[in-house]
Amino acid sequence: MTASRAKGYDMGLVAILEKPSDLQVYATHPAHLELHEKREQLCEDTLAYDLEY
C-alpha cells in the first residue's frame, strides 16, 4: 500500500478468520453490523482489502 492510497487513514480493523466460510458469519454478525454503522457515521471514506495466507 502506498501513502497516497492510504489517504492518511490512522485506524483500522483486523479480522482473522479460520476458514473462508467464516466470512459470511462475520459479515452478518450483529456486532459487525453495529460497527459498520458507527464507521459510516464517523468516516467520510474507507479503504477495505483482504489478505489471504
PDB file of N, CA and C in Angstrom:
ATOM      1  N   MET A   1       0.844  -1.160   0.000  1.00  0.00           N
ATOM      2  CA  MET A   1       0.000   0.000   0.000  1.00  0.00           C
ATOM      3  C   MET A   1       0.894   1.229   0.000  1.00  0.00           C
ATOM      4  N   THR A   2       0.546   2.193  -0.792  1.00  0.00           N
ATOM      5  CA  THR A   2       1.312   3.433  -0.848  1.00  0.00           C
ATOM      6  C   THR A   2       0.684   4.488   0.055  1.00  0.00           C
ATOM      7  N   ALA A   3       1.465   5.495   0.419  1.00  0.00           N
ATOM      8  CA  ALA A   3       0.971   6.570   1.286  1.00  0.00           C
ATOM      9  C   ALA A   3      -0.189   7.307   0.627  1.00  0.00           C
ATOM     10  N   SER A   4      -0.112   7.522  -0.668  1.00  0.00           N
ATOM     11  CA  SER A   4      -1.206   8.241  -1.331  1.00  0.00           C
ATOM     12  C   SER A   4      -2.497   7.417  -1.333  1.00  0.00           C
ATOM     13  N   ARG A   5      -2.379   6.127  -1.469  1.00  0.00           N
ATOM     14  CA  ARG A   5      -3.574   5.259  -1.433  1.00  0.00           C
ATOM     15  C   ARG A   5      -4.166   5.211  -0.029  1.00  0.00           C
ATOM     16  N   ALA A   6      -3.338   5.287   0.991  1.00  0.00           N
ATOM     17  CA  ALA A   6      -3.809   5.227   2.373  1.00  0.00           C
ATOM     18  C   ALA A   6      -4.557   6.491   2.786  1.00  0.00           C
ATOM     19  N   LYS A   7      -4.359   7.588   2.072  1.00  0.00           N
ATOM     20  CA  LYS A   7      -5.071   8.845   2.312  1.00  0.00           C
ATOM     21  C   LYS A   7      -4.952   9.346   3.750  1.00  0.00           C
ATOM     22  N   GLY A   8      -3.908   8.961   4.455  1.00  0.00           N
ATOM     23  CA  GLY A   8      -3.732   9.437   5.819  1.00  0.00           C
ATOM     24  C   GLY A   8      -4.583   8.715   6.845  1.00  0.00           C
ATOM     25  N   TYR A   9      -5.213   7.609   6.473  1.00  0.00           N
ATOM     26  CA  TYR A   9      -6.026   6.869   7.442  1.00  0.00           C
ATOM     27  C   TYR A   9      -5.170   6.511   8.644  1.00  0.00           C
ATOM     28  N   ASP A  10      -5.764   6.560   9.826  1.00  0.00           N
ATOM     29  CA  ASP A  10      -4.980   6.300  11.034  1.00  0.00           C
ATOM     30  C   ASP A  10      -5.644   5.303  11.980  1.00  0.00           C
ATOM     31  N   MET A  11      -6.590   4.534  11.494  1.00  0.00           N
ATOM     32  CA  MET A  11      -7.153   3.462  12.302  1.00  0.00           C
ATOM     33  C   MET A  11      -7.569   2.329  11.385  1.00  0.00           C
ATOM     34  N   GLY A  12      -7.699   1.168  11.971  1.00  0.00           N
ATOM     35  CA  GLY A  12      -8.059   0.018  11.159  1.00  0.00           C
ATOM     36  C   GLY A  12      -8.721  -1.068  11.978  1.00  0.00           C
ATOM     37  N   LEU A  13      -9.252  -2.028  11.299  1.00  0.00           N
ATOM     38  CA  LEU A  13      -9.893  -3.184  11.895  1.00  0.00           C
ATOM     39  C   LEU A  13      -9.300  -4.415  11.235  1.00  0.00           C
ATOM     40  N   VAL A  14      -8.894  -5.360  12.051  1.00  0.00           N
ATOM     41  CA  VAL A  14      -8.353  -6.613  11.535  1.00  0.00           C
ATOM     42  C   VAL A  14      -9.242  -7.747  12.025  1.00  0.00           C
ATOM     43  N   ALA A  15      -9.704  -8.563  11.127  1.00  0.00           N
ATOM     44  CA  ALA A  15     -10.482  -9.752  11.472  1.00  0.00           C
ATOM     45  C   ALA A  15      -9.712 -10.962  10.965  1.00  0.00           C
ATOM     46  N   ILE A  16      -9.381 -11.853  11.857  1.00  0.00           N
ATOM     47  CA  ILE A  16      -8.674 -13.075  11.482  1.00  0.00           C
ATOM     48  C   ILE A  16      -9.691 -14.207  11.511  1.00  0.00           C
ATOM     49  N   LEU A  17      -9.952 -14.767  10.354  1.00  0.00           N
ATOM     50  CA  LEU A  17     -10.956 -15.811  10.217  1.00  0.00           C
ATOM     51  C   LEU A  17     -10.269 -17.149   9.976  1.00  0.00           C
ATOM     52  N   GLU A  18     -10.839 -18.200  10.519  1.00  0.00           N
ATOM     53  CA  GLU A  18     -10.248 -19.539  10.414  1.00  0.00           C
ATOM     54  C   GLU A  18     -10.400 -20.151   9.021  1.00  0.00           C
ATOM     55  N   LYS A  19     -11.551 -19.926   8.410  1.00  0.00           N
ATOM     56  CA  LYS A  19     -11.808 -20.544   7.108  1.00  0.00           C
ATOM     57  C   LYS A  19     -12.685 -19.621   6.263  1.00  0.00           C
ATOM     58  N   PRO A  20     -12.663 -19.762   4.963  1.00  0.00           N
ATOM     59  CA  PRO A  20     -13.420 -18.863   4.087  1.00  0.00           C
ATOM     60  C   PRO A  20     -14.909 -18.773   4.434  1.00  0.00           C
ATOM     61  N   SER A  21     -15.505 -19.859   4.864  1.00  0.00           N
ATOM     62  CA  SER A  21     -16.939 -19.832   5.175  1.00  0.00           C
ATOM     63  C   SER A  21     -17.258 -18.953   6.385  1.00  0.00           C
ATOM     64  N   ASP A  22     -16.258 -18.637   7.211  1.00  0.00           N
ATOM     65  CA  ASP A  22     -16.465 -17.751   8.361  1.00  0.00           C
ATOM     66  C   ASP A  22     -16.760 -16.318   7.929  1.00  0.00           C
ATOM     67  N   LEU A  23     -16.411 -15.968   6.715  1.00  0.00           N
ATOM     68  CA  LEU A  23     -16.642 -14.605   6.235  1.00  0.00           C
ATOM     69  C   LEU A  23     -18.130 -14.258   6.233  1.00  0.00           C
ATOM     70  N   GLN A  24     -18.972 -15.194   5.831  1.00  0.00           N
ATOM     71  CA  GLN A  24     -20.418 -14.941   5.816  1.00  0.00           C
ATOM     72  C   GLN A  24     -20.946 -14.728   7.236  1.00  0.00           C
ATOM     73  N   VAL A  25     -20.458 -15.510   8.187  1.00  0.00           N
ATOM     74  CA  VAL A  25     -20.864 -15.350   9.589  1.00  0.00           C
ATOM     75  C   VAL A  25     -20.429 -13.980  10.088  1.00  0.00           C
ATOM     76  N   TYR A  26     -19.192 -13.613   9.805  1.00  0.00           N
ATOM     77  CA  TYR A  26     -18.649 -12.311  10.215  1.00  0.00           C
ATOM     78  C   TYR A  26     -19.442 -11.160   9.594  1.00  0.00           C
ATOM     79  N   ALA A  27     -19.716 -11.260   8.315  1.00  0.00           N
ATOM     80  CA  ALA A  27     -20.369 -10.164   7.590  1.00  0.00           C
ATOM     81  C   ALA A  27     -21.787  -9.896   8.070  1.00  0.00           C
ATOM     82  N   THR A  28     -22.451 -10.903   8.584  1.00  0.00           N
ATOM     83  CA  THR A  28     -23.842 -10.741   9.010  1.00  0.00           C
ATOM     84  C   THR A  28     -24.009 -10.719  10.527  1.00  0.00           C
ATOM     85  N   HIS A  29     -22.911 -10.782  11.258  1.00  0.00           N
ATOM     86  CA  HIS A  29     -22.979 -10.791  12.727  1.00  0.00           C
ATOM     87  C   HIS A  29     -23.447  -9.425  13.237  1.00  0.00           C
ATOM     88  N   PRO A  30     -24.355  -9.394  14.221  1.00  0.00           N
ATOM     89  CA  PRO A  30     -24.863  -8.122  14.740  1.00  0.00           C
ATOM     90  C   PRO A  30     -23.766  -7.164  15.226  1.00  0.00           C
ATOM     91  N   ALA A  31     -22.721  -7.670  15.849  1.00  0.00           N
ATOM     92  CA  ALA A  31     -21.636  -6.793  16.321  1.00  0.00           C
ATOM     93  C   ALA A  31     -20.913  -6.143  15.146  1.00  0.00           C
ATOM     94  N   HIS A  32     -20.712  -6.893  14.072  1.00  0.00           N
ATOM     95  CA  HIS A  32     -20.066  -6.337  12.883  1.00  0.00           C
ATOM     96  C   HIS A  32     -20.958  -5.275  12.242  1.00  0.00           C
ATOM     97  N   LEU A  33     -22.238  -5.554  12.154  1.00  0.00           N
ATOM     98  CA  LEU A  33     -23.169  -4.599  11.547  1.00  0.00           C
ATOM     99  C   LEU A  33     -23.250  -3.313  12.365  1.00  0.00           C
ATOM    100  N   GLU A  34     -23.173  -3.428  13.691  1.00  0.00           N
ATOM    101  CA  GLU A  34     -23.170  -2.240  14.550  1.00  0.00           C
ATOM    102  C   GLU A  34     -21.904  -1.417  14.320  1.00  0.00           C
ATOM    103  N   LEU A  35     -20.764  -2.085  14.239  1.00  0.00           N
ATOM    104  CA  LEU A  35     -19.507  -1.388  13.972  1.00  0.00           C
ATOM    105  C   LEU A  35     -19.539  -0.720  12.599  1.00  0.00           C
ATOM    106  N   HIS A  36     -20.092  -1.404  11.621  1.00  0.00           N
ATOM    107  CA  HIS A  36     -20.210  -0.852  10.265  1.00  0.00           C
ATOM    108  C   HIS A  36     -21.027   0.447  10.281  1.00  0.00           C
ATOM    109  N   GLU A  37     -22.111   0.445  11.023  1.00  0.00           N
ATOM    110  CA  GLU A  37     -22.950   1.641  11.122  1.00  0.00           C
ATOM    111  C   GLU A  37     -22.195   2.796  11.782  1.00  0.00           C
ATOM    112  N   LYS A  38     -21.457   2.511  12.841  1.00  0.00           N
ATOM    113  CA  LYS A  38     -20.674   3.555  13.517  1.00  0.00           C
ATOM    114  C   LYS A  38     -19.582   4.096  12.598  1.00  0.00           C
ATOM    115  N   ARG A  39     -18.952   3.200  11.835  1.00  0.00           N
ATOM    116  CA  ARG A  39     -17.905   3.629  10.903  1.00  0.00           C
ATOM    117  C   ARG A  39     -18.479   4.593   9.872  1.00  0.00           C
ATOM    118  N   GLU A  40     -19.659   4.291   9.376  1.00  0.00           N
ATOM    119  CA  GLU A  40     -20.278   5.179   8.391  1.00  0.00           C
ATOM    120  C   GLU A  40     -20.591   6.552   8.977  1.00  0.00           C
ATOM    121  N   GLN A  41     -20.916   6.607  10.261  1.00  0.00           N
ATOM    122  CA  GLN A  41     -21.203   7.879  10.919  1.00  0.00           C
ATOM    123  C   GLN A  41     -19.932   8.696  11.146  1.00  0.00           C
ATOM    124  N   LEU A  42     -18.819   8.018  11.406  1.00  0.00           N
ATOM    125  CA  LEU A  42     -17.575   8.694  11.770  1.00  0.00           C
ATOM    126  C   LEU A  42     -16.657   9.012  10.596  1.00  0.00           C
ATOM    127  N   CYS A  43     -16.733   8.220   9.551  1.00  0.00           N
ATOM    128  CA  CYS A  43     -15.746   8.311   8.469  1.00  0.00           C
ATOM    129  C   CYS A  43     -16.405   8.738   7.162  1.00  0.00           C
ATOM    130  N   GLU A  44     -15.754   9.636   6.462  1.00  0.00           N
ATOM    131  CA  GLU A  44     -16.287  10.040   5.164  1.00  0.00           C
ATOM    132  C   GLU A  44     -15.840   9.105   4.046  1.00  0.00           C
ATOM    133  N   ASP A  45     -14.794   8.337   4.284  1.00  0.00           N
ATOM    134  CA  ASP A  45     -14.288   7.420   3.274  1.00  0.00           C
ATOM    135  C   ASP A  45     -13.587   6.273   3.981  1.00  0.00           C
ATOM    136  N   THR A  46     -13.556   5.121   3.351  1.00  0.00           N
ATOM    137  CA  THR A  46     -12.872   3.965   3.926  1.00  0.00           C
ATOM    138  C   THR A  46     -12.108   3.227   2.842  1.00  0.00           C
ATOM    139  N   LEU A  47     -11.211   2.382   3.285  1.00  0.00           N
ATOM    140  CA  LEU A  47     -10.430   1.537   2.394  1.00  0.00           C
ATOM    141  C   LEU A  47     -10.492   0.131   2.966  1.00  0.00           C
ATOM    142  N   ALA A  48     -10.914  -0.820   2.181  1.00  0.00           N
ATOM    143  CA  ALA A  48     -11.010  -2.203   2.644  1.00  0.00           C
ATOM    144  C   ALA A  48     -10.205  -3.094   1.712  1.00  0.00           C
ATOM    145  N   TYR A  49      -9.554  -4.076   2.303  1.00  0.00           N
ATOM    146  CA  TYR A  49      -8.848  -5.058   1.495  1.00  0.00           C
ATOM    147  C   TYR A  49      -8.709  -6.344   2.285  1.00  0.00           C
ATOM    148  N   ASP A  50      -8.524  -7.434   1.584  1.00  0.00           N
ATOM    149  CA  ASP A  50      -8.385  -8.749   2.192  1.00  0.00           C
ATOM    150  C   ASP A  50      -6.966  -9.250   1.986  1.00  0.00           C
ATOM    151  N   LEU A  51      -6.457  -9.910   3.003  1.00  0.00           N
ATOM    152  CA  LEU A  51      -5.178 -10.608   2.909  1.00  0.00           C
ATOM    153  C   LEU A  51      -5.462 -12.087   3.143  1.00  0.00           C
ATOM    154  N   GLU A  52      -4.868 -12.920   2.343  1.00  0.00           N
ATOM    155  CA  GLU A  52      -5.074 -14.348   2.495  1.00  0.00           C
ATOM    156  C   GLU A  52      -3.710 -15.018   2.572  1.00  0.00           C
ATOM    157  N   TYR A  53      -3.495 -15.781   3.630  1.00  0.00           N
ATOM    158  CA  TYR A  53      -2.224 -16.513   3.766  1.00  0.00           C
ATOM    159  C   TYR A  53      -2.381 -17.695   4.652  1.00  0.00           C
TER     160      TYR A  53
END
